[in-house]
Amino acid sequence: MTALPQNDARPSLVGDALRRRWPIVLLTAALVVGAVAAYAFSVASTYTSTAQVLLRPTPGNALSPDSAKNAQQITVAMETEAGLVNSPGVAAYVSQLMRKDYPAASPDVDAVISTNTQIVQVSFTGDTAQEAQQVAEAYAKGFLQYRLSETQKTLDRELRQLKTQEKVAQDNLKEATADASVDRPTAQAVARVQLYSSRLASTQDLIGETNATDTNPGAIIIPASSPTKPNGISPVLLLLAGALLGLGFGVALAVWRERTDDRIRATVDPSSMGLPILGSVPAGGEDHDEDRTEAFRQIRAGVLVATDEPLVLAVAPVTDDVHVRTSCFATVELARSLSDAGRRVVVVDATAPAAGLDRVLGADHPGGLMELLAAPVDADPYAAASPASAADRAAGAAASSAADLARDVTTSLRDAQGFVVLPSGTTTREPADLVASDRMRLVVEHLRAEFDIVLLAAPSATTSQGNEVCMAADATVLVVTERRTRATEVGEALERAARLGIRYIGLVALPRRLGAVGAHEGSRGAGNDASVGGSRGAAGRSSSRPSAATAADDGSADGAGALAGARGVGRRDA
């Protein structure tokens, strides 16, 4: 069956989740913070220092006088220069300066061009602030040294070529001069002298210009400084972020868990699977006794509004998870509340022998419902209550008088201070078969005629015995456990009830721990006058009522009238 949680429209869903499931929130936050802390403290701290280098156009480099003629050429040249910062040539200079090997293409080195400038930002990331500052400075110096060496190589190569050209020009000029030194030099010889003289002068001018070329590669305009804090986010900020993230995840998980949890919460949901929650019994000891009394008054009001008297009402736990003694406690307290309201109440223990009401009342009683149901037909004490049975057993009817009926009923029933109890008794037969018999119906109908309300303490609604008891009643109240019984279990009970014709009028929610209720066992007397109320006593009830045992000793012969006079509960007026 599909669960239909009642919290879909709860406006206080988040508040309920935080109040009830705060351990989930704290645990999730602690796990996230722990994971973040492990990460933050396992990763080694690194430091980055940056030096800014202004480049000058020099021959032999990407940024040269020839490539600095327009913006596009300068941009391409600067990108090329930045790529050379992490080149083998620069790394060799850095290794020499630092006296430590620094490989080329190191991931710790970075070079960035400042927009629309000829400035390169050279950065290095190291394990310490000092290392980062020193190596970044070394890379800046090494880069400039590399550019200077490239310029010098280029100029040296050009000078060698010019020197060669100068020598050739000098040799040619010497030869041409010798040819033109005759008395009558030819025009061709004079022209050669002029040509080589001009060529020599031009070559010497180039040599002079080359020697005068500015080889300054640039300068470090902002030296590398020692970083004051490590890279990345501060561990403190990481922990704070982890705490917030963990709390967020924890709240989301708690809300999801609260939303999907279909366990009954009587203090939040007014109903479950369409059944109203008639009342929620608080936990605790004697300090909460008045609160419990008030809770059962509310339950009493819900029962009386939903039913008509005379009433046969079954009280059954919804599943085996609700202990039968817990359910019987609810039955006894409801009987007391109904009795306080002036109703004549009898409680019939239809649970397994010595498992339910006897344990709650703290007294063993010889004889009870099971003996009455297991009696042979001829000795059936309720045979005379049915005209049809009297017709079938004309001979037996004469032997079973009203006085016999009164004595049998009086023997089986006992006074529980305010209401009458028919104990479960003992039997060697299967109780489920006994409560399914016609005699169970005869007992119920006879008690309906004598009392305003008949309460049947039933086993779990998941058992065949529990279903038979509920089928013998006019209506049934299901007993659930707060925050343990699930709505799906109530839904399954409703499905069975629809098939069997059982009428459920509501739920009674009991706490997971009843507190002082457990002390009722063993603290009460073992006789017929045992009190169910413990410390509540009989002060607020009709303490002047004579007991059932007294009525039996008086030997009253008026059957049902004797029963009425014995308990002060009286027989219902015809």
Protein backbone atom coordinates (compact mmCIF):
# COMPACT_ATOMS: atom_id res chain seq x y z
CA MET A 1 0.00 0.00 0.00
CA THR A 2 1.33 3.45 -0.87
CA ALA A 3 2.12 5.63 2.12
CA LEU A 4 0.29 8.90 2.39
CA PRO A 5 2.34 10.96 4.82
CA GLN A 6 0.39 13.62 6.61
CA ASN A 7 3.21 16.18 6.57
CA ASP A 8 2.90 17.29 2.93
CA ALA A 9 1.13 20.49 3.89
CA ARG A 10 2.75 21.09 7.27
CA PRO A 11 3.77 24.73 7.57
CA SER A 12 6.19 23.87 10.38
CA LEU A 13 8.00 21.13 8.49
CA VAL A 14 11.42 22.76 8.80
CA GLY A 15 10.88 23.61 12.46
CA ASP A 16 9.75 20.06 13.22
CA ALA A 17 12.75 18.66 11.34
CA LEU A 18 15.17 20.86 13.30
CA ARG A 19 13.52 20.08 16.62
CA ARG A 20 13.26 16.32 16.16
CA ARG A 21 16.21 15.56 13.92
CA TRP A 22 18.88 17.96 15.14
CA PRO A 23 21.34 15.06 15.62
CA ILE A 24 21.22 14.49 11.84
CA VAL A 25 22.00 18.17 11.26
CA LEU A 26 24.89 18.17 13.71
CA LEU A 27 26.29 14.87 12.47
CA THR A 28 26.16 15.97 8.83
CA ALA A 29 27.79 19.30 9.67
CA ALA A 30 30.50 17.53 11.67
CA LEU A 31 31.24 15.13 8.81
CA VAL A 32 31.49 17.94 6.25
CA VAL A 33 33.66 20.07 8.54
CA GLY A 34 35.86 17.06 9.20
CA ALA A 35 36.29 16.39 5.49
CA VAL A 36 37.07 20.06 4.79
CA ALA A 37 39.53 20.18 7.67
CA ALA A 38 41.26 17.03 6.44
CA TYR A 39 41.60 18.56 3.00
CA ALA A 40 42.69 21.99 4.27
CA PHE A 41 45.41 20.63 6.52
CA SER A 42 46.59 17.89 4.18
CA VAL A 43 47.34 20.26 1.31
CA ALA A 44 50.75 21.95 1.73
CA SER A 45 50.72 25.74 1.84
CA THR A 46 52.28 27.52 -1.14
CA TYR A 47 53.37 31.11 -1.67
CA THR A 48 53.57 33.15 -4.87
CA SER A 49 55.77 36.18 -5.52
CA THR A 50 55.75 38.37 -8.63
CA ALA A 51 58.29 40.69 -10.24
CA GLN A 52 57.37 43.12 -13.00
CA VAL A 53 59.84 43.53 -15.88
CA LEU A 54 59.76 46.34 -18.45
CA LEU A 55 61.11 45.11 -21.79
CA ARG A 56 62.98 47.25 -24.29
CA PRO A 57 63.19 46.38 -27.98
CA THR A 58 66.61 44.91 -28.68
CA PRO A 59 68.07 43.10 -31.67
CA GLY A 60 67.95 39.34 -31.58
CA ASN A 61 64.78 39.17 -29.46
CA ALA A 62 61.11 38.82 -30.27
CA LEU A 63 60.60 42.42 -29.18
CA SER A 64 63.12 44.15 -31.44
CA PRO A 65 63.28 47.57 -33.11
CA ASP A 66 62.00 45.99 -36.29
CA SER A 67 58.94 44.32 -34.57
CA ALA A 68 57.92 47.40 -32.57
CA LYS A 69 56.48 49.35 -35.45
CA ASN A 70 52.72 48.72 -34.82
CA ALA A 71 50.42 47.48 -32.05
CA GLN A 72 49.76 44.08 -33.59
CA GLN A 73 53.44 43.34 -34.00
CA ILE A 74 54.14 44.47 -30.44
CA THR A 75 51.34 42.20 -29.08
CA VAL A 76 52.70 39.15 -30.90
CA ALA A 77 56.23 39.97 -29.84
CA MET A 78 55.22 40.39 -26.16
CA GLU A 79 53.39 37.07 -26.14
CA THR A 80 56.51 35.44 -27.56
CA GLU A 81 58.68 37.12 -24.94
CA ALA A 82 56.36 35.91 -22.12
CA GLY A 83 56.62 32.36 -23.43
CA LEU A 84 60.42 32.55 -23.22
CA VAL A 85 60.36 33.22 -19.45
CA ASN A 86 60.04 29.46 -18.81
CA SER A 87 62.50 28.45 -21.55
CA PRO A 88 65.61 26.31 -21.01
CA GLY A 89 67.86 29.31 -21.51
CA VAL A 90 66.22 31.31 -18.71
CA ALA A 91 66.04 28.21 -16.45
CA ALA A 92 69.79 27.77 -16.90
CA TYR A 93 70.48 31.32 -15.74
CA VAL A 94 68.12 30.85 -12.75
CA SER A 95 69.81 27.59 -11.77
CA GLN A 96 73.15 29.36 -11.93
CA LEU A 97 71.94 32.25 -9.79
CA MET A 98 70.16 30.08 -7.21
CA ARG A 99 72.78 27.30 -7.29
CA LYS A 100 69.92 24.84 -7.59
CA ASP A 101 68.52 23.04 -10.56
CA TYR A 102 65.26 24.54 -11.87
CA PRO A 103 63.86 22.69 -14.88
CA ALA A 104 62.40 24.37 -17.94
CA ALA A 105 58.63 24.49 -18.41
CA SER A 106 58.15 24.39 -14.63
CA PRO A 107 54.48 24.57 -13.53
CA ASP A 108 55.59 26.85 -10.70
CA VAL A 109 56.62 29.61 -13.15
CA ASP A 110 54.15 31.91 -14.83
CA ALA A 111 54.46 34.99 -17.04
CA VAL A 112 51.61 37.36 -17.75
CA ILE A 113 51.62 40.46 -19.98
CA SER A 114 50.08 43.60 -18.54
CA THR A 115 47.46 44.84 -20.98
CA ASN A 116 48.67 47.38 -23.58
CA THR A 117 52.14 47.57 -22.05
CA GLN A 118 55.60 46.14 -22.56
CA ILE A 119 55.59 44.82 -18.99
CA VAL A 120 55.85 41.14 -18.17
CA GLN A 121 54.78 39.92 -14.71
CA VAL A 122 57.07 37.03 -13.77
CA SER A 123 55.67 34.85 -10.93
CA PHE A 124 57.00 31.88 -9.03
CA THR A 125 55.16 29.62 -6.56
CA GLY A 126 57.20 28.00 -3.81
CA ASP A 127 56.78 26.15 -0.57
CA THR A 128 57.91 29.14 1.49
CA ALA A 129 57.50 32.88 1.13
CA GLN A 130 61.29 33.36 1.02
CA GLU A 131 61.76 30.83 -1.75
CA ALA A 132 58.94 32.35 -3.79
CA GLN A 133 60.46 35.85 -3.51
CA GLN A 134 64.03 34.80 -4.29
CA VAL A 135 63.20 32.56 -7.23
CA ALA A 136 60.76 35.07 -8.75
CA GLU A 137 63.49 37.70 -8.58
CA ALA A 138 65.95 35.23 -10.10
CA TYR A 139 63.60 34.47 -12.99
CA ALA A 140 63.18 38.19 -13.68
CA LYS A 141 66.95 38.73 -13.71
CA GLY A 142 67.53 35.54 -15.67
CA PHE A 143 65.00 36.60 -18.27
CA LEU A 144 66.72 39.96 -18.76
CA GLN A 145 70.10 38.25 -18.89
CA TYR A 146 68.79 35.85 -21.49
CA ARG A 147 67.54 38.74 -23.63
CA LEU A 148 70.87 40.52 -23.25
CA SER A 149 72.79 37.44 -24.31
CA GLU A 150 70.55 37.00 -27.34
CA THR A 151 71.14 40.63 -28.30
CA GLN A 152 74.89 40.30 -27.85
CA LYS A 153 74.99 37.18 -29.96
CA THR A 154 73.14 38.93 -32.73
CA LEU A 155 75.43 41.97 -32.64
CA ASP A 156 78.54 39.83 -32.57
CA ARG A 157 77.38 37.94 -35.57
CA GLU A 158 76.66 41.17 -37.45
CA LEU A 159 80.05 42.65 -36.52
CA ARG A 160 81.86 39.57 -37.80
CA GLN A 161 80.06 39.88 -41.09
CA LEU A 162 80.81 43.61 -41.31
CA LYS A 163 84.48 43.06 -40.48
CA THR A 164 84.71 40.55 -43.28
CA GLN A 165 83.10 43.01 -45.66
CA GLU A 166 85.48 45.76 -44.46
CA LYS A 167 88.57 43.64 -45.18
CA VAL A 168 87.32 42.72 -48.63
CA ALA A 169 86.63 46.39 -49.34
CA GLN A 170 90.09 47.39 -48.13
CA ASP A 171 91.78 44.74 -50.28
CA ASN A 172 89.80 45.78 -53.34
CA LEU A 173 90.54 49.43 -52.67
CA LYS A 174 94.27 48.74 -52.39
CA GLU A 175 94.29 46.89 -55.67
CA ALA A 176 92.23 49.59 -57.39
CA THR A 177 94.52 52.31 -56.00
CA ALA A 178 97.57 50.53 -57.40
CA ASP A 179 95.98 50.35 -60.84
CA ALA A 180 95.10 54.04 -60.73
CA SER A 181 98.59 55.17 -59.62
CA VAL A 182 100.03 55.09 -63.21
CA ASP A 183 100.70 58.29 -65.24
CA ARG A 184 97.69 57.86 -67.32
CA PRO A 185 95.12 55.81 -65.29
CA THR A 186 92.16 54.58 -67.11
CA ALA A 187 88.71 55.83 -66.25
CA GLN A 188 87.78 52.34 -65.19
CA ALA A 189 90.57 52.25 -62.62
CA VAL A 190 89.55 55.62 -61.23
CA ALA A 191 85.94 54.44 -60.97
CA ARG A 192 86.97 51.32 -59.06
CA VAL A 193 88.88 53.41 -56.56
CA GLN A 194 85.86 55.55 -55.96
CA LEU A 195 83.57 52.46 -55.65
CA TYR A 196 85.68 50.63 -53.13
CA SER A 197 86.37 53.75 -51.18
CA SER A 198 82.65 54.36 -50.84
CA ARG A 199 81.97 50.74 -49.93
CA LEU A 200 84.68 50.79 -47.28
CA ALA A 201 83.29 53.94 -45.74
CA SER A 202 79.76 52.49 -45.68
CA THR A 203 80.96 49.30 -44.03
CA GLN A 204 82.90 51.23 -41.45
CA ASP A 205 79.80 53.31 -40.73
CA LEU A 206 77.74 50.10 -40.15
CA ILE A 207 80.41 48.78 -37.87
CA GLY A 208 80.25 51.96 -35.88
CA GLU A 209 76.47 51.83 -35.68
CA THR A 210 76.54 48.21 -34.57
CA ASN A 211 79.05 48.95 -31.88
CA ALA A 212 76.85 51.81 -30.74
CA THR A 213 73.63 49.72 -30.59
CA ASP A 214 71.81 49.90 -27.22
CA THR A 215 71.82 46.41 -25.75
CA ASN A 216 69.76 47.22 -22.63
CA PRO A 217 67.16 44.37 -22.46
CA GLY A 218 64.95 46.17 -19.97
CA ALA A 219 64.64 46.56 -16.24
CA ILE A 220 62.88 45.17 -13.20
CA ILE A 221 60.52 47.98 -12.35
CA ILE A 222 58.87 46.22 -9.37
CA PRO A 223 61.08 43.68 -7.61
CA ALA A 224 59.59 40.49 -6.20
CA SER A 225 58.37 40.88 -2.65
CA SER A 226 57.92 38.33 0.09
CA PRO A 227 54.25 37.18 0.20
CA THR A 228 52.52 37.77 3.50
CA LYS A 229 50.00 34.90 3.28
CA PRO A 230 49.77 31.54 1.54
CA ASN A 231 47.86 30.92 -1.65
CA GLY A 232 44.26 29.79 -1.72
CA ILE A 233 41.50 30.25 0.83
CA SER A 234 42.37 30.54 4.47
CA PRO A 235 41.80 27.28 6.40
CA VAL A 236 39.61 29.23 8.83
CA LEU A 237 37.40 30.41 5.99
CA LEU A 238 37.33 26.87 4.60
CA LEU A 239 36.17 25.53 7.95
CA LEU A 240 33.50 28.21 8.23
CA ALA A 241 32.33 27.47 4.69
CA GLY A 242 32.37 23.76 5.47
CA ALA A 243 30.30 24.35 8.61
CA LEU A 244 27.73 26.36 6.68
CA LEU A 245 27.68 23.81 3.87
CA GLY A 246 27.37 20.96 6.37
CA LEU A 247 24.55 22.69 8.20
CA GLY A 248 22.78 23.29 4.89
CA PHE A 249 23.14 19.64 3.89
CA GLY A 250 22.12 18.56 7.38
CA VAL A 251 18.97 20.69 7.36
CA ALA A 252 18.08 19.46 3.88
CA LEU A 253 18.61 15.85 4.99
CA ALA A 254 16.59 16.39 8.16
CA VAL A 255 13.72 18.00 6.23
CA TRP A 256 13.77 15.17 3.68
CA ARG A 257 13.79 12.58 6.47
CA GLU A 258 10.96 14.37 8.27
CA ARG A 259 8.95 14.64 5.08
CA THR A 260 9.33 10.99 4.13
CA ASP A 261 8.84 9.70 7.69
CA ASP A 262 5.27 8.40 7.89
CA ARG A 263 5.41 7.53 11.57
CA ILE A 264 2.42 8.91 13.44
CA ARG A 265 2.96 12.19 15.26
CA ALA A 266 -0.20 12.89 17.18
CA THR A 267 1.11 16.21 18.45
CA VAL A 268 1.52 17.42 14.85
CA ASP A 269 -0.99 15.57 12.68
CA PRO A 270 -4.70 15.60 13.61
CA SER A 271 -5.31 12.40 11.66
CA SER A 272 -3.62 9.50 9.93
CA MET A 273 -4.89 7.84 6.76
CA GLY A 274 -8.22 9.59 7.28
CA LEU A 275 -8.73 8.37 10.86
CA PRO A 276 -8.87 11.15 13.47
CA ILE A 277 -6.50 10.96 16.40
CA LEU A 278 -8.88 11.04 19.34
CA GLY A 279 -6.15 11.87 21.82
CA SER A 280 -2.47 11.65 22.62
CA VAL A 281 -1.50 10.33 26.04
CA PRO A 282 1.58 12.05 27.50
CA ALA A 283 4.48 10.15 29.00
CA GLY A 284 5.79 10.61 32.52
CA GLY A 285 5.01 9.70 36.10
CA GLU A 286 2.63 10.96 38.70
CA ASP A 287 3.49 14.59 37.92
CA HIS A 288 1.74 14.12 34.58
CA ASP A 289 -1.23 12.21 35.99
CA GLU A 290 -3.65 15.10 35.47
CA ASP A 291 -2.42 15.52 31.89
CA ARG A 292 -3.20 11.87 31.23
CA THR A 293 -6.60 12.23 32.77
CA GLU A 294 -7.33 15.17 30.51
CA ALA A 295 -6.08 13.21 27.49
CA PHE A 296 -8.54 10.39 28.21
CA ARG A 297 -11.33 12.91 28.68
CA GLN A 298 -10.65 14.08 25.13
CA ILE A 299 -10.63 10.47 23.94
CA ARG A 300 -13.91 9.87 25.79
CA ALA A 301 -15.48 12.89 24.09
CA GLY A 302 -14.37 11.66 20.68
CA VAL A 303 -15.80 8.21 21.30
CA LEU A 304 -19.15 9.49 22.56
CA VAL A 305 -19.55 11.89 19.66
CA ALA A 306 -18.80 9.20 17.07
CA THR A 307 -21.06 6.50 18.56
CA ASP A 308 -24.46 5.86 20.11
CA GLU A 309 -25.22 4.14 23.40
CA PRO A 310 -25.54 1.38 24.38
CA LEU A 311 -22.15 0.79 22.81
CA VAL A 312 -19.82 -2.14 22.34
CA LEU A 313 -16.40 -0.66 21.67
CA ALA A 314 -13.27 -2.66 20.91
CA VAL A 315 -9.84 -1.25 21.77
CA ALA A 316 -7.10 -2.94 19.75
CA PRO A 317 -3.43 -2.25 19.06
CA VAL A 318 -2.88 -1.60 15.37
CA THR A 319 0.09 -4.01 15.14
CA ASP A 320 2.11 -6.33 17.34
CA ASP A 321 4.61 -3.50 17.83
CA VAL A 322 2.08 -1.94 20.22
CA HIS A 323 2.26 -4.18 23.27
CA VAL A 324 -1.07 -5.66 24.34
CA ARG A 325 -0.51 -4.48 27.92
CA THR A 326 -0.08 -0.92 26.60
CA SER A 327 -3.36 -1.25 24.75
CA CYS A 328 -5.06 -2.67 27.86
CA PHE A 329 -3.79 0.31 29.84
CA ALA A 330 -5.60 2.57 27.37
CA THR A 331 -8.73 0.42 27.73
CA VAL A 332 -8.67 0.63 31.53
CA GLU A 333 -8.09 4.38 31.59
CA LEU A 334 -10.83 4.96 29.02
CA ALA A 335 -13.17 2.85 31.17
CA ARG A 336 -12.34 4.99 34.20
CA SER A 337 -12.99 8.17 32.23
CA LEU A 338 -16.32 6.88 30.95
CA SER A 339 -17.25 5.80 34.46
CA ASP A 340 -16.40 9.28 35.77
CA ALA A 341 -18.85 10.64 33.18
CA GLY A 342 -21.65 8.52 34.71
CA ARG A 343 -21.60 5.64 32.26
CA ARG A 344 -21.99 2.08 33.44
CA VAL A 345 -18.94 0.37 31.99
CA VAL A 346 -17.77 -3.21 31.76
CA VAL A 347 -14.34 -4.13 30.40
CA VAL A 348 -14.05 -7.53 28.75
CA ASP A 349 -10.54 -8.90 28.41
CA ALA A 350 -10.53 -10.69 25.05
CA THR A 351 -6.74 -10.91 24.82
CA ALA A 352 -4.69 -14.03 25.33
CA PRO A 353 -5.00 -15.47 28.86
CA ALA A 354 -2.70 -13.81 31.43
CA ALA A 355 -1.27 -11.52 28.74
CA GLY A 356 -3.29 -8.35 28.88
CA LEU A 357 -5.70 -6.96 31.43
CA ASP A 358 -4.62 -9.27 34.24
CA ARG A 359 -1.06 -7.95 33.91
CA VAL A 360 -2.23 -4.34 33.90
CA LEU A 361 -4.55 -4.79 36.89
CA GLY A 362 -1.91 -6.78 38.72
CA ALA A 363 -4.27 -9.57 39.85
CA ASP A 364 -5.05 -13.09 38.81
CA HIS A 365 -8.71 -14.07 38.78
CA PRO A 366 -10.00 -17.62 38.53
CA GLY A 367 -12.48 -17.95 35.73
CA GLY A 368 -13.33 -15.48 33.03
CA LEU A 369 -14.30 -14.99 29.42
CA MET A 370 -12.42 -17.97 28.04
CA GLU A 371 -14.07 -20.36 30.52
CA LEU A 372 -17.49 -19.00 29.62
CA LEU A 373 -16.78 -19.39 25.88
CA ALA A 374 -15.24 -22.85 26.29
CA ALA A 375 -18.09 -24.23 28.46
CA PRO A 376 -20.15 -27.07 26.91
CA VAL A 377 -23.41 -26.07 25.29
CA ASP A 378 -25.52 -27.70 27.99
CA ALA A 379 -23.66 -25.82 30.69
CA ASP A 380 -23.61 -22.56 28.77
CA PRO A 381 -24.60 -19.96 31.40
CA TYR A 382 -25.90 -17.65 28.69
CA ALA A 383 -28.12 -20.20 27.01
CA ALA A 384 -31.15 -18.79 28.85
CA ALA A 385 -30.34 -15.34 27.56
CA SER A 386 -31.29 -16.39 24.03
CA PRO A 387 -34.95 -17.37 23.37
CA ALA A 388 -33.89 -19.42 20.36
CA SER A 389 -31.48 -21.44 22.49
CA ALA A 390 -34.14 -21.95 25.15
CA ALA A 391 -36.49 -23.30 22.48
CA ASP A 392 -33.85 -25.74 21.25
CA ARG A 393 -32.99 -26.83 24.78
CA ALA A 394 -36.32 -26.96 26.55
CA ALA A 395 -35.03 -29.48 29.02
CA GLY A 396 -31.88 -27.48 29.78
CA ALA A 397 -33.74 -24.20 30.16
CA ALA A 398 -35.56 -25.46 33.27
CA ALA A 399 -32.24 -26.21 34.98
CA SER A 400 -30.74 -22.81 34.22
CA SER A 401 -32.57 -20.13 36.18
CA ALA A 402 -32.03 -16.40 36.43
CA ALA A 403 -30.37 -16.92 39.80
CA ASP A 404 -27.87 -19.32 38.18
CA LEU A 405 -27.10 -16.69 35.55
CA ALA A 406 -26.57 -14.01 38.18
CA ARG A 407 -24.25 -16.24 40.20
CA ASP A 408 -22.21 -17.17 37.09
CA VAL A 409 -21.89 -13.58 35.98
CA THR A 410 -21.09 -12.38 39.51
CA THR A 411 -18.48 -15.09 39.85
CA SER A 412 -16.80 -14.05 36.59
CA LEU A 413 -17.05 -10.30 36.96
CA ARG A 414 -15.11 -8.23 39.44
CA ASP A 415 -15.24 -4.64 40.58
CA ALA A 416 -12.30 -2.45 39.57
CA GLN A 417 -13.43 0.66 41.47
CA GLY A 418 -15.67 2.52 39.08
CA PHE A 419 -16.23 -0.14 36.44
CA VAL A 420 -16.64 -3.87 36.11
CA VAL A 421 -14.11 -6.27 34.58
CA LEU A 422 -14.61 -9.62 32.91
CA PRO A 423 -11.11 -11.15 32.97
CA SER A 424 -9.70 -13.25 30.21
CA GLY A 425 -9.44 -16.41 32.24
CA THR A 426 -7.64 -19.53 31.07
CA THR A 427 -8.34 -22.18 28.49
CA THR A 428 -6.69 -25.07 26.76
CA ARG A 429 -8.43 -24.24 23.50
CA GLU A 430 -7.35 -21.71 20.93
CA PRO A 431 -8.62 -18.24 22.03
CA ALA A 432 -9.06 -17.15 18.40
CA ASP A 433 -11.57 -19.97 17.88
CA LEU A 434 -13.43 -19.14 21.10
CA VAL A 435 -13.93 -15.44 20.35
CA ALA A 436 -15.20 -16.38 16.88
CA SER A 437 -17.98 -18.55 18.36
CA ASP A 438 -21.64 -17.62 18.69
CA ARG A 439 -21.29 -17.66 22.46
CA MET A 440 -18.97 -14.63 22.19
CA ARG A 441 -21.86 -12.75 20.56
CA LEU A 442 -24.24 -13.94 23.30
CA VAL A 443 -21.87 -12.67 26.01
CA VAL A 444 -21.50 -9.31 24.26
CA GLU A 445 -25.24 -8.90 23.76
CA HIS A 446 -25.99 -9.83 27.37
CA LEU A 447 -23.48 -7.27 28.63
CA ARG A 448 -24.84 -4.65 26.23
CA ALA A 449 -28.24 -5.16 27.90
CA GLU A 450 -26.77 -4.64 31.37
CA PHE A 451 -24.30 -1.77 30.81
CA ASP A 452 -24.13 1.49 28.92
CA ILE A 453 -20.74 0.75 27.38
CA VAL A 454 -18.96 -2.55 26.86
CA LEU A 455 -15.22 -2.19 26.23
CA LEU A 456 -13.53 -5.14 24.56
CA ALA A 457 -9.78 -5.28 25.14
CA ALA A 458 -8.64 -6.90 21.90
CA PRO A 459 -5.35 -8.35 20.65
CA SER A 460 -3.52 -6.81 17.70
CA ALA A 461 -5.66 -5.88 14.69
CA THR A 462 -3.23 -7.89 12.55
CA THR A 463 -4.30 -11.18 14.21
CA SER A 464 -7.35 -13.27 13.51
CA GLN A 465 -8.34 -13.12 17.18
CA GLY A 466 -8.12 -9.34 17.12
CA ASN A 467 -10.26 -9.18 13.97
CA GLU A 468 -12.90 -11.46 15.49
CA VAL A 469 -13.13 -9.30 18.62
CA CYS A 470 -13.43 -6.14 16.51
CA MET A 471 -16.14 -7.77 14.39
CA ALA A 472 -18.14 -8.45 17.58
CA ALA A 473 -18.08 -4.73 18.45
CA ASP A 474 -20.06 -1.79 17.11
CA ALA A 475 -16.90 0.24 16.61
CA THR A 476 -13.18 -0.02 17.24
CA VAL A 477 -10.51 2.34 18.48
CA LEU A 478 -6.99 1.56 17.30
CA VAL A 479 -4.10 2.08 19.70
CA VAL A 480 -0.88 3.35 18.10
CA THR A 481 2.52 4.27 19.49
CA GLU A 482 3.70 7.84 19.04
CA ARG A 483 6.55 8.07 16.48
CA ARG A 484 6.74 4.30 16.09
CA THR A 485 3.55 3.19 14.37
CA ARG A 486 3.57 4.07 10.68
CA ALA A 487 0.75 5.43 8.60
CA THR A 488 1.17 2.50 6.22
CA GLU A 489 0.35 0.12 9.09
CA VAL A 490 -2.82 2.07 9.79
CA GLY A 491 -3.64 1.91 6.08
CA GLU A 492 -3.20 -1.87 6.07
CA ALA A 493 -5.54 -2.12 9.07
CA LEU A 494 -8.12 -0.04 7.18
CA GLU A 495 -7.89 -2.37 4.19
CA ARG A 496 -8.56 -5.39 6.40
CA ALA A 497 -11.41 -3.56 8.11
CA ALA A 498 -13.02 -2.80 4.75
CA ARG A 499 -12.95 -6.48 3.84
CA LEU A 500 -14.26 -7.67 7.23
CA GLY A 501 -16.84 -4.96 7.88
CA ILE A 502 -15.02 -3.51 10.91
CA ARG A 503 -15.68 0.11 11.75
CA TYR A 504 -12.75 2.17 13.01
CA ILE A 505 -13.68 5.51 14.59
CA GLY A 506 -10.24 6.84 15.48
CA LEU A 507 -6.79 6.38 16.94
CA VAL A 508 -5.43 6.66 20.47
CA ALA A 509 -1.73 7.59 20.52
CA LEU A 510 0.34 6.34 23.44
CA PRO A 511 3.94 7.42 24.15
CA ARG A 512 6.83 5.12 23.41
CA ARG A 513 7.50 4.97 27.13
CA LEU A 514 4.58 5.25 29.48
CA GLY A 515 6.77 6.03 32.48
CA ALA A 516 5.06 5.31 35.78
CA VAL A 517 2.36 3.21 34.15
CA GLY A 518 4.59 0.20 34.34
CA ALA A 519 4.53 0.54 38.10
CA HIS A 520 0.86 -0.39 38.11
CA GLU A 521 1.91 -3.98 37.76
CA GLY A 522 2.58 -5.63 41.06
CA SER A 523 1.77 -2.47 43.06
CA ARG A 524 -1.91 -3.22 43.08
CA GLY A 525 -3.60 -5.70 45.32
CA ALA A 526 -4.10 -9.23 44.22
CA GLY A 527 -7.74 -9.43 45.34
CA ASN A 528 -10.94 -8.60 43.54
CA ASP A 529 -10.82 -4.98 44.70
CA ALA A 530 -7.47 -4.22 43.03
CA SER A 531 -7.17 -0.64 41.90
CA VAL A 532 -6.14 0.30 38.39
CA GLY A 533 -5.41 3.90 39.16
CA GLY A 534 -2.37 3.39 41.42
CA SER A 535 -1.85 6.65 43.22
CA ARG A 536 -5.07 8.06 41.79
CA GLY A 537 -7.01 5.82 44.18
CA ALA A 538 -10.76 5.88 44.40
CA ALA A 539 -11.20 9.26 46.03
CA GLY A 540 -12.81 10.81 42.99
CA ARG A 541 -15.11 7.88 42.36
CA SER A 542 -18.07 6.14 44.01
CA SER A 543 -16.18 4.49 46.84
CA SER A 544 -19.43 3.51 48.52
CA ARG A 545 -20.27 0.96 45.85
CA PRO A 546 -20.40 -2.62 47.22
CA SER A 547 -18.16 -5.14 45.56
CA ALA A 548 -19.21 -8.00 43.33
CA ALA A 549 -18.08 -10.51 45.91
CA THR A 550 -20.40 -8.95 48.52
CA ALA A 551 -23.30 -9.28 46.15
CA ALA A 552 -22.52 -12.92 45.63
CA ASP A 553 -22.46 -13.54 49.41
CA ASP A 554 -25.84 -11.89 49.82
CA GLY A 555 -27.32 -14.62 47.62
CA SER A 556 -29.62 -12.27 45.76
CA ALA A 557 -31.99 -14.30 43.65
CA ASP A 558 -33.09 -11.68 41.23
CA GLY A 559 -30.60 -12.43 38.44
CA ALA A 560 -29.74 -9.20 36.68
CA GLY A 561 -31.28 -7.17 39.49
CA ALA A 562 -28.89 -8.77 41.96
CA LEU A 563 -26.01 -7.85 39.62
CA ALA A 564 -27.19 -4.26 39.49
CA GLY A 565 -27.54 -3.95 43.23
CA ALA A 566 -24.19 -5.59 43.91
CA ARG A 567 -22.14 -3.07 41.90
CA GLY A 568 -24.10 0.07 42.16
CA VAL A 569 -23.79 0.26 38.38
CA GLY A 570 -27.36 -0.91 37.96
CA ARG A 571 -29.15 -2.59 35.19
CA ARG A 572 -30.14 -0.56 32.18
CA ASP A 573 -33.78 0.41 32.40
CA ALA A 574 -35.90 -1.42 29.95
